[in-house]
Amino acid sequence: MTTSNHSGFLRLPDVLKLIPVSKSTWWQGVRDGKFPKSYKLTERTTAWRVEDIQKLMQEMAGHE
């Protein structure tokens, strides 16, 4: 999945396709501030901004 030049939100399964970590590692990273904060779209729906995930991927690749 390419996220270039897109805006919107990604749910956790989509994020984990792009960032190869486990759910528990992802949530720990969110709590620690290592990964972007989540947004509650509805009471039961949590997602991340595409822009935040793109930035994280660039940082992980060493291209800030």
PDB file of N, CA and C in Angstrom:
ATOM      1  N   MET A   1       0.841  -1.187   0.000  1.00  0.00           N
ATOM      2  CA  MET A   1       0.000   0.000   0.000  1.00  0.00           C
ATOM      3  C   MET A   1       0.876   1.237   0.000  1.00  0.00           C
ATOM      4  N   THR A   2       0.665   2.129  -0.928  1.00  0.00           N
ATOM      5  CA  THR A   2       1.413   3.375  -0.998  1.00  0.00           C
ATOM      6  C   THR A   2       0.583   4.469  -0.366  1.00  0.00           C
ATOM      7  N   THR A   3       1.207   5.251   0.501  1.00  0.00           N
ATOM      8  CA  THR A   3       0.469   6.311   1.178  1.00  0.00           C
ATOM      9  C   THR A   3       0.900   7.691   0.708  1.00  0.00           C
ATOM     10  N   SER A   4       1.753   7.788  -0.299  1.00  0.00           N
ATOM     11  CA  SER A   4       2.275   9.066  -0.761  1.00  0.00           C
ATOM     12  C   SER A   4       1.150  10.001  -1.177  1.00  0.00           C
ATOM     13  N   ASN A   5       1.261  11.244  -0.740  1.00  0.00           N
ATOM     14  CA  ASN A   5       0.345  12.309  -1.131  1.00  0.00           C
ATOM     15  C   ASN A   5      -1.117  12.004  -0.820  1.00  0.00           C
ATOM     16  N   HIS A   6      -1.368  11.279   0.229  1.00  0.00           N
ATOM     17  CA  HIS A   6      -2.728  11.000   0.656  1.00  0.00           C
ATOM     18  C   HIS A   6      -2.959  11.618   2.025  1.00  0.00           C
ATOM     19  N   SER A   7      -4.203  11.970   2.272  1.00  0.00           N
ATOM     20  CA  SER A   7      -4.567  12.409   3.612  1.00  0.00           C
ATOM     21  C   SER A   7      -5.697  11.504   4.073  1.00  0.00           C
ATOM     22  N   GLY A   8      -5.985  11.587   5.333  1.00  0.00           N
ATOM     23  CA  GLY A   8      -7.029  10.745   5.887  1.00  0.00           C
ATOM     24  C   GLY A   8      -6.499   9.963   7.068  1.00  0.00           C
ATOM     25  N   PHE A   9      -7.121   8.829   7.318  1.00  0.00           N
ATOM     26  CA  PHE A   9      -6.781   8.028   8.481  1.00  0.00           C
ATOM     27  C   PHE A   9      -6.555   6.575   8.095  1.00  0.00           C
ATOM     28  N   LEU A  10      -5.720   5.913   8.889  1.00  0.00           N
ATOM     29  CA  LEU A  10      -5.474   4.481   8.748  1.00  0.00           C
ATOM     30  C   LEU A  10      -5.834   3.801  10.058  1.00  0.00           C
ATOM     31  N   ARG A  11      -6.516   2.665   9.966  1.00  0.00           N
ATOM     32  CA  ARG A  11      -6.808   1.865  11.148  1.00  0.00           C
ATOM     33  C   ARG A  11      -5.601   0.988  11.440  1.00  0.00           C
ATOM     34  N   LEU A  12      -5.558   0.408  12.628  1.00  0.00           N
ATOM     35  CA  LEU A  12      -4.392  -0.345  13.076  1.00  0.00           C
ATOM     36  C   LEU A  12      -3.962  -1.469  12.124  1.00  0.00           C
ATOM     37  N   PRO A  13      -4.868  -2.295  11.598  1.00  0.00           N
ATOM     38  CA  PRO A  13      -4.396  -3.349  10.684  1.00  0.00           C
ATOM     39  C   PRO A  13      -3.635  -2.790   9.475  1.00  0.00           C
ATOM     40  N   ASP A  14      -4.070  -1.633   8.978  1.00  0.00           N
ATOM     41  CA  ASP A  14      -3.386  -1.008   7.843  1.00  0.00           C
ATOM     42  C   ASP A  14      -2.041  -0.433   8.256  1.00  0.00           C
ATOM     43  N   VAL A  15      -1.982   0.147   9.439  1.00  0.00           N
ATOM     44  CA  VAL A  15      -0.713   0.681   9.952  1.00  0.00           C
ATOM     45  C   VAL A  15       0.296  -0.451  10.093  1.00  0.00           C
ATOM     46  N   LEU A  16      -0.142  -1.573  10.630  1.00  0.00           N
ATOM     47  CA  LEU A  16       0.774  -2.690  10.874  1.00  0.00           C
ATOM     48  C   LEU A  16       1.241  -3.364   9.586  1.00  0.00           C
ATOM     49  N   LYS A  17       0.532  -3.142   8.480  1.00  0.00           N
ATOM     50  CA  LYS A  17       1.014  -3.618   7.180  1.00  0.00           C
ATOM     51  C   LYS A  17       2.209  -2.779   6.720  1.00  0.00           C
ATOM     52  N   LEU A  18       2.243  -1.525   7.148  1.00  0.00           N
ATOM     53  CA  LEU A  18       3.310  -0.609   6.744  1.00  0.00           C
ATOM     54  C   LEU A  18       4.470  -0.587   7.726  1.00  0.00           C
ATOM     55  N   ILE A  19       4.166  -0.751   9.011  1.00  0.00           N
ATOM     56  CA  ILE A  19       5.177  -0.743  10.072  1.00  0.00           C
ATOM     57  C   ILE A  19       5.187  -2.154  10.669  1.00  0.00           C
ATOM     58  N   PRO A  20       6.188  -2.957  10.358  1.00  0.00           N
ATOM     59  CA  PRO A  20       6.162  -4.375  10.750  1.00  0.00           C
ATOM     60  C   PRO A  20       6.495  -4.624  12.221  1.00  0.00           C
ATOM     61  N   VAL A  21       5.543  -4.319  13.082  1.00  0.00           N
ATOM     62  CA  VAL A  21       5.675  -4.605  14.511  1.00  0.00           C
ATOM     63  C   VAL A  21       4.386  -5.269  14.977  1.00  0.00           C
ATOM     64  N   SER A  22       4.425  -5.870  16.151  1.00  0.00           N
ATOM     65  CA  SER A  22       3.221  -6.492  16.709  1.00  0.00           C
ATOM     66  C   SER A  22       2.293  -5.416  17.268  1.00  0.00           C
ATOM     67  N   LYS A  23       1.043  -5.793  17.507  1.00  0.00           N
ATOM     68  CA  LYS A  23       0.083  -4.859  18.112  1.00  0.00           C
ATOM     69  C   LYS A  23       0.586  -4.341  19.452  1.00  0.00           C
ATOM     70  N   SER A  24       1.091  -5.243  20.286  1.00  0.00           N
ATOM     71  CA  SER A  24       1.532  -4.822  21.618  1.00  0.00           C
ATOM     72  C   SER A  24       2.733  -3.884  21.527  1.00  0.00           C
ATOM     73  N   THR A  25       3.653  -4.147  20.602  1.00  0.00           N
ATOM     74  CA  THR A  25       4.798  -3.247  20.411  1.00  0.00           C
ATOM     75  C   THR A  25       4.323  -1.893  19.917  1.00  0.00           C
ATOM     76  N   TRP A  26       3.353  -1.900  18.991  1.00  0.00           N
ATOM     77  CA  TRP A  26       2.820  -0.634  18.474  1.00  0.00           C
ATOM     78  C   TRP A  26       2.207   0.196  19.605  1.00  0.00           C
ATOM     79  N   TRP A  27       1.334  -0.419  20.395  1.00  0.00           N
ATOM     80  CA  TRP A  27       0.666   0.322  21.465  1.00  0.00           C
ATOM     81  C   TRP A  27       1.657   0.807  22.515  1.00  0.00           C
ATOM     82  N   GLN A  28       2.673   0.009  22.807  1.00  0.00           N
ATOM     83  CA  GLN A  28       3.703   0.459  23.749  1.00  0.00           C
ATOM     84  C   GLN A  28       4.437   1.666  23.171  1.00  0.00           C
ATOM     85  N   GLY A  29       4.733   1.641  21.880  1.00  0.00           N
ATOM     86  CA  GLY A  29       5.388   2.770  21.220  1.00  0.00           C
ATOM     87  C   GLY A  29       4.530   4.024  21.238  1.00  0.00           C
ATOM     88  N   VAL A  30       3.219   3.857  21.082  1.00  0.00           N
ATOM     89  CA  VAL A  30       2.304   5.004  21.164  1.00  0.00           C
ATOM     90  C   VAL A  30       2.344   5.583  22.578  1.00  0.00           C
ATOM     91  N   ARG A  31       2.276   4.712  23.594  1.00  0.00           N
ATOM     92  CA  ARG A  31       2.325   5.176  24.988  1.00  0.00           C
ATOM     93  C   ARG A  31       3.641   5.881  25.303  1.00  0.00           C
ATOM     94  N   ASP A  32       4.744   5.361  24.740  1.00  0.00           N
ATOM     95  CA  ASP A  32       6.067   5.927  25.009  1.00  0.00           C
ATOM     96  C   ASP A  32       6.377   7.164  24.176  1.00  0.00           C
ATOM     97  N   GLY A  33       5.517   7.485  23.212  1.00  0.00           N
ATOM     98  CA  GLY A  33       5.768   8.630  22.343  1.00  0.00           C
ATOM     99  C   GLY A  33       6.687   8.310  21.169  1.00  0.00           C
ATOM    100  N   LYS A  34       7.011   7.049  20.985  1.00  0.00           N
ATOM    101  CA  LYS A  34       7.867   6.628  19.867  1.00  0.00           C
ATOM    102  C   LYS A  34       7.076   6.613  18.554  1.00  0.00           C
ATOM    103  N   PHE A  35       5.795   6.284  18.642  1.00  0.00           N
ATOM    104  CA  PHE A  35       4.920   6.237  17.481  1.00  0.00           C
ATOM    105  C   PHE A  35       3.852   7.321  17.625  1.00  0.00           C
ATOM    106  N   PRO A  36       3.227   7.727  16.514  1.00  0.00           N
ATOM    107  CA  PRO A  36       2.239   8.819  16.565  1.00  0.00           C
ATOM    108  C   PRO A  36       1.037   8.495  17.453  1.00  0.00           C
ATOM    109  N   LYS A  37       0.433   9.560  17.961  1.00  0.00           N
ATOM    110  CA  LYS A  37      -0.766   9.387  18.780  1.00  0.00           C
ATOM    111  C   LYS A  37      -1.942   8.984  17.901  1.00  0.00           C
ATOM    112  N   SER A  38      -2.881   8.318  18.517  1.00  0.00           N
ATOM    113  CA  SER A  38      -4.076   7.873  17.806  1.00  0.00           C
ATOM    114  C   SER A  38      -5.180   8.909  17.954  1.00  0.00           C
ATOM    115  N   TYR A  39      -6.179   8.794  17.093  1.00  0.00           N
ATOM    116  CA  TYR A  39      -7.363   9.640  17.131  1.00  0.00           C
ATOM    117  C   TYR A  39      -8.581   8.744  17.238  1.00  0.00           C
ATOM    118  N   LYS A  40      -9.506   9.109  18.109  1.00  0.00           N
ATOM    119  CA  LYS A  40     -10.763   8.377  18.247  1.00  0.00           C
ATOM    120  C   LYS A  40     -11.740   8.966  17.229  1.00  0.00           C
ATOM    121  N   LEU A  41     -12.069   8.194  16.194  1.00  0.00           N
ATOM    122  CA  LEU A  41     -13.012   8.663  15.185  1.00  0.00           C
ATOM    123  C   LEU A  41     -14.446   8.468  15.652  1.00  0.00           C
ATOM    124  N   THR A  42     -14.676   7.376  16.367  1.00  0.00           N
ATOM    125  CA  THR A  42     -15.953   7.120  17.029  1.00  0.00           C
ATOM    126  C   THR A  42     -15.609   6.458  18.356  1.00  0.00           C
ATOM    127  N   GLU A  43     -16.607   6.125  19.119  1.00  0.00           N
ATOM    128  CA  GLU A  43     -16.363   5.498  20.417  1.00  0.00           C
ATOM    129  C   GLU A  43     -15.530   4.219  20.291  1.00  0.00           C
ATOM    130  N   ARG A  44     -15.746   3.474  19.196  1.00  0.00           N
ATOM    131  CA  ARG A  44     -15.061   2.185  19.028  1.00  0.00           C
ATOM    132  C   ARG A  44     -14.056   2.161  17.874  1.00  0.00           C
ATOM    133  N   THR A  45     -13.777   3.318  17.280  1.00  0.00           N
ATOM    134  CA  THR A  45     -12.876   3.361  16.128  1.00  0.00           C
ATOM    135  C   THR A  45     -11.696   4.271  16.414  1.00  0.00           C
ATOM    136  N   THR A  46     -10.501   3.684  16.386  1.00  0.00           N
ATOM    137  CA  THR A  46      -9.260   4.414  16.601  1.00  0.00           C
ATOM    138  C   THR A  46      -8.460   4.365  15.307  1.00  0.00           C
ATOM    139  N   ALA A  47      -7.828   5.490  14.956  1.00  0.00           N
ATOM    140  CA  ALA A  47      -7.059   5.534  13.719  1.00  0.00           C
ATOM    141  C   ALA A  47      -5.905   6.519  13.865  1.00  0.00           C
ATOM    142  N   TRP A  48      -5.024   6.500  12.878  1.00  0.00           N
ATOM    143  CA  TRP A  48      -3.860   7.390  12.838  1.00  0.00           C
ATOM    144  C   TRP A  48      -3.900   8.169  11.543  1.00  0.00           C
ATOM    145  N   ARG A  49      -3.425   9.412  11.596  1.00  0.00           N
ATOM    146  CA  ARG A  49      -3.380  10.242  10.397  1.00  0.00           C
ATOM    147  C   ARG A  49      -2.354   9.669   9.416  1.00  0.00           C
ATOM    148  N   VAL A  50      -2.718   9.612   8.146  1.00  0.00           N
ATOM    149  CA  VAL A  50      -1.807   9.118   7.113  1.00  0.00           C
ATOM    150  C   VAL A  50      -0.508   9.911   7.142  1.00  0.00           C
ATOM    151  N   GLU A  51      -0.606  11.227   7.315  1.00  0.00           N
ATOM    152  CA  GLU A  51       0.577  12.082   7.332  1.00  0.00           C
ATOM    153  C   GLU A  51       1.533  11.692   8.455  1.00  0.00           C
ATOM    154  N   ASP A  52       0.986  11.338   9.613  1.00  0.00           N
ATOM    155  CA  ASP A  52       1.827  10.941  10.747  1.00  0.00           C
ATOM    156  C   ASP A  52       2.537   9.618  10.468  1.00  0.00           C
ATOM    157  N   ILE A  53       1.841   8.701   9.816  1.00  0.00           N
ATOM    158  CA  ILE A  53       2.449   7.406   9.492  1.00  0.00           C
ATOM    159  C   ILE A  53       3.514   7.588   8.413  1.00  0.00           C
ATOM    160  N   GLN A  54       3.245   8.451   7.429  1.00  0.00           N
ATOM    161  CA  GLN A  54       4.254   8.735   6.401  1.00  0.00           C
ATOM    162  C   GLN A  54       5.516   9.313   7.033  1.00  0.00           C
ATOM    163  N   LYS A  55       5.339  10.248   7.944  1.00  0.00           N
ATOM    164  CA  LYS A  55       6.488  10.864   8.614  1.00  0.00           C
ATOM    165  C   LYS A  55       7.275   9.818   9.404  1.00  0.00           C
ATOM    166  N   LEU A  56       6.577   8.955  10.128  1.00  0.00           N
ATOM    167  CA  LEU A  56       7.237   7.897  10.888  1.00  0.00           C
ATOM    168  C   LEU A  56       8.040   6.989   9.963  1.00  0.00           C
ATOM    169  N   MET A  57       7.464   6.618   8.828  1.00  0.00           N
ATOM    170  CA  MET A  57       8.160   5.750   7.885  1.00  0.00           C
ATOM    171  C   MET A  57       9.420   6.427   7.346  1.00  0.00           C
ATOM    172  N   GLN A  58       9.346   7.724   7.078  1.00  0.00           N
ATOM    173  CA  GLN A  58      10.521   8.462   6.610  1.00  0.00           C
ATOM    174  C   GLN A  58      11.589   8.502   7.691  1.00  0.00           C
ATOM    175  N   GLU A  59      11.178   8.750   8.922  1.00  0.00           N
ATOM    176  CA  GLU A  59      12.134   8.788  10.033  1.00  0.00           C
ATOM    177  C   GLU A  59      12.788   7.426  10.234  1.00  0.00           C
ATOM    178  N   MET A  60      12.002   6.364  10.111  1.00  0.00           N
ATOM    179  CA  MET A  60      12.541   5.021  10.289  1.00  0.00           C
ATOM    180  C   MET A  60      13.530   4.672   9.172  1.00  0.00           C
ATOM    181  N   ALA A  61      13.317   5.252   7.996  1.00  0.00           N
ATOM    182  CA  ALA A  61      14.209   5.007   6.861  1.00  0.00           C
ATOM    183  C   ALA A  61      15.421   5.936   6.904  1.00  0.00           C
ATOM    184  N   GLY A  62      15.411   6.911   7.840  1.00  0.00           N
ATOM    185  CA  GLY A  62      16.530   7.839   7.962  1.00  0.00           C
ATOM    186  C   GLY A  62      16.473   9.017   7.025  1.00  0.00           C
ATOM    187  N   HIS A  63      15.265   9.371   6.579  1.00  0.00           N
ATOM    188  CA  HIS A  63      15.087  10.494   5.652  1.00  0.00           C
ATOM    189  C   HIS A  63      14.207  11.572   6.251  1.00  0.00           C
ATOM    190  N   GLU A  64      14.580  12.136   7.354  1.00  0.00           N
ATOM    191  CA  GLU A  64      13.732  13.129   8.017  1.00  0.00           C
ATOM    192  C   GLU A  64      13.431  14.291   7.147  1.00  0.00           C
TER     193      GLU A  64
END
